[in-house]
Amino acid sequence: KYTTFSIIYYWINSLGQKASIYSRLENVAIPSGKENTTATISYDHRIVPLENTFSTGTYYCAVKWNDIQKMGKGVFVLARDTGYVETSYGWEILITLTTLLAALSIAATALLLWKRK
């Protein structure tokens, strides 16, 4: 009864609309001696690169037997135009600190020369 099942991948967008991505029918043979035992089989599915920002939503997979359907918890994906750009302030901080120290050094030297006169 449970050797033939369907695997369905779909997503629900931000408007609550369900869209099917991919589905396939599986027929798994039961090895001798493994009848009436629980088995776990992993299936991978790679989602092609997201086309645009409208691909934002929650992605699910479900398994459907004759009278039973089990659904995963889902994975939320946020699609953005530019993607994530890691900001690095290393050079800006170094230049600012060097400029500040140079200005303080010049001011201290000027004060010492002014006091000496």
Protein backbone atom coordinates (compact mmCIF):
# COMPACT_ATOMS: atom_id res chain seq x y z
CA LYS A 1 0.00 0.00 0.00
CA TYR A 2 2.80 2.46 0.85
CA THR A 3 5.29 1.50 -1.84
CA THR A 4 3.77 3.78 -4.46
CA PHE A 5 3.57 7.48 -3.60
CA SER A 6 3.91 10.94 -5.09
CA ILE A 7 6.40 13.62 -4.06
CA ILE A 8 5.16 17.14 -4.71
CA TYR A 9 7.20 20.36 -4.43
CA TYR A 10 5.29 23.65 -4.37
CA TRP A 11 5.43 27.15 -2.98
CA ILE A 12 2.96 29.63 -1.54
CA ASN A 13 3.64 33.25 -2.44
CA SER A 14 3.02 36.34 -0.30
CA LEU A 15 -0.58 36.52 -1.58
CA GLY A 16 -1.30 32.98 -0.36
CA GLN A 17 -1.42 31.50 -3.87
CA LYS A 18 -0.15 27.93 -4.24
CA ALA A 19 2.00 27.10 -7.27
CA SER A 20 3.31 23.64 -8.14
CA ILE A 21 7.04 23.42 -8.88
CA TYR A 22 7.67 19.74 -9.49
CA SER A 23 6.13 16.36 -8.78
CA ARG A 24 7.10 12.78 -9.40
CA LEU A 25 5.70 9.34 -8.79
CA GLU A 26 7.84 6.88 -6.83
CA ASN A 27 7.54 3.11 -6.63
CA VAL A 28 9.85 1.65 -3.98
CA ALA A 29 10.47 -2.08 -3.80
CA ILE A 30 10.50 -3.55 -0.30
CA PRO A 31 13.53 -5.79 0.33
CA SER A 32 12.84 -9.29 1.59
CA GLY A 33 12.64 -9.37 5.38
CA LYS A 34 11.85 -5.64 5.68
CA GLU A 35 8.09 -5.93 5.40
CA ASN A 36 6.03 -4.15 8.09
CA THR A 37 8.93 -2.00 9.26
CA THR A 38 9.40 1.75 9.08
CA ALA A 39 11.85 2.99 6.47
CA THR A 40 13.21 6.44 5.76
CA ILE A 41 14.35 7.49 2.31
CA SER A 42 15.81 10.93 1.53
CA TYR A 43 15.01 12.75 -1.69
CA ASP A 44 16.78 15.90 -2.78
CA HIS A 45 15.36 18.58 -5.02
CA ARG A 46 17.29 21.63 -6.17
CA ILE A 47 15.31 24.74 -6.98
CA VAL A 48 16.64 26.50 -10.07
CA PRO A 49 17.92 30.06 -9.58
CA LEU A 50 15.06 32.34 -8.66
CA GLU A 51 13.88 34.34 -11.65
CA ASN A 52 12.76 37.53 -9.90
CA THR A 53 11.62 39.00 -6.60
CA PHE A 54 8.18 37.46 -7.12
CA SER A 55 9.77 34.12 -6.18
CA THR A 56 9.59 35.16 -2.52
CA GLY A 57 7.45 32.78 -0.50
CA THR A 58 7.40 29.58 1.50
CA TYR A 59 8.51 26.42 -0.29
CA TYR A 60 7.11 23.03 0.72
CA CYS A 61 7.35 19.39 -0.14
CA ALA A 62 4.60 16.86 0.41
CA VAL A 63 4.28 13.10 0.08
CA LYS A 64 0.95 11.64 -0.94
CA TRP A 65 -0.13 8.03 -0.64
CA ASN A 66 -3.57 6.74 -1.58
CA ASP A 67 -5.40 8.21 1.40
CA ILE A 68 -2.66 10.01 3.35
CA GLN A 69 -0.73 13.22 2.70
CA LYS A 70 2.21 14.40 4.80
CA MET A 71 3.60 17.90 4.35
CA GLY A 72 6.92 19.40 5.43
CA LYS A 73 7.19 22.52 7.59
CA GLY A 74 8.31 24.67 4.68
CA VAL A 75 11.24 26.98 4.09
CA PHE A 76 10.74 30.72 3.64
CA VAL A 77 12.83 32.26 0.84
CA LEU A 78 13.22 36.02 0.42
CA ALA A 79 14.31 36.91 -3.12
CA ARG A 80 15.91 40.32 -3.62
CA ASP A 81 17.15 42.10 -6.73
CA THR A 82 20.72 42.83 -5.67
CA GLY A 83 21.26 40.02 -3.23
CA TYR A 84 23.28 40.31 -0.07
CA VAL A 85 26.29 42.59 -0.24
CA GLU A 86 28.57 42.33 2.76
CA THR A 87 29.62 45.76 3.95
CA SER A 88 33.23 46.29 4.91
CA TYR A 89 34.22 49.44 6.76
CA GLY A 90 37.86 48.42 7.33
CA TRP A 91 39.46 50.91 4.94
CA GLU A 92 37.12 53.75 5.92
CA ILE A 93 37.92 53.29 9.62
CA LEU A 94 41.67 53.13 8.94
CA ILE A 95 41.65 56.31 6.82
CA THR A 96 39.49 58.17 9.36
CA LEU A 97 41.71 57.15 12.27
CA THR A 98 44.89 58.09 10.39
CA THR A 99 43.44 61.48 9.42
CA LEU A 100 42.32 62.14 12.99
CA LEU A 101 45.73 61.24 14.43
CA ALA A 102 47.51 63.39 11.83
CA ALA A 103 45.27 66.37 12.65
CA LEU A 104 45.87 65.93 16.40
CA SER A 105 49.61 65.62 15.82
CA ILE A 106 49.71 68.82 13.76
CA ALA A 107 47.62 70.65 16.37
CA ALA A 108 49.85 69.46 19.23
CA THR A 109 53.00 70.48 17.35
CA ALA A 110 51.52 73.91 16.62
CA LEU A 111 50.59 74.39 20.29
CA LEU A 112 54.09 73.38 21.44
CA LEU A 113 55.71 75.82 18.98
CA TRP A 114 53.31 78.59 20.00
CA LYS A 115 54.00 78.03 23.72
CA ARG A 116 57.76 78.02 23.10
CA LYS A 117 57.67 81.57 21.62
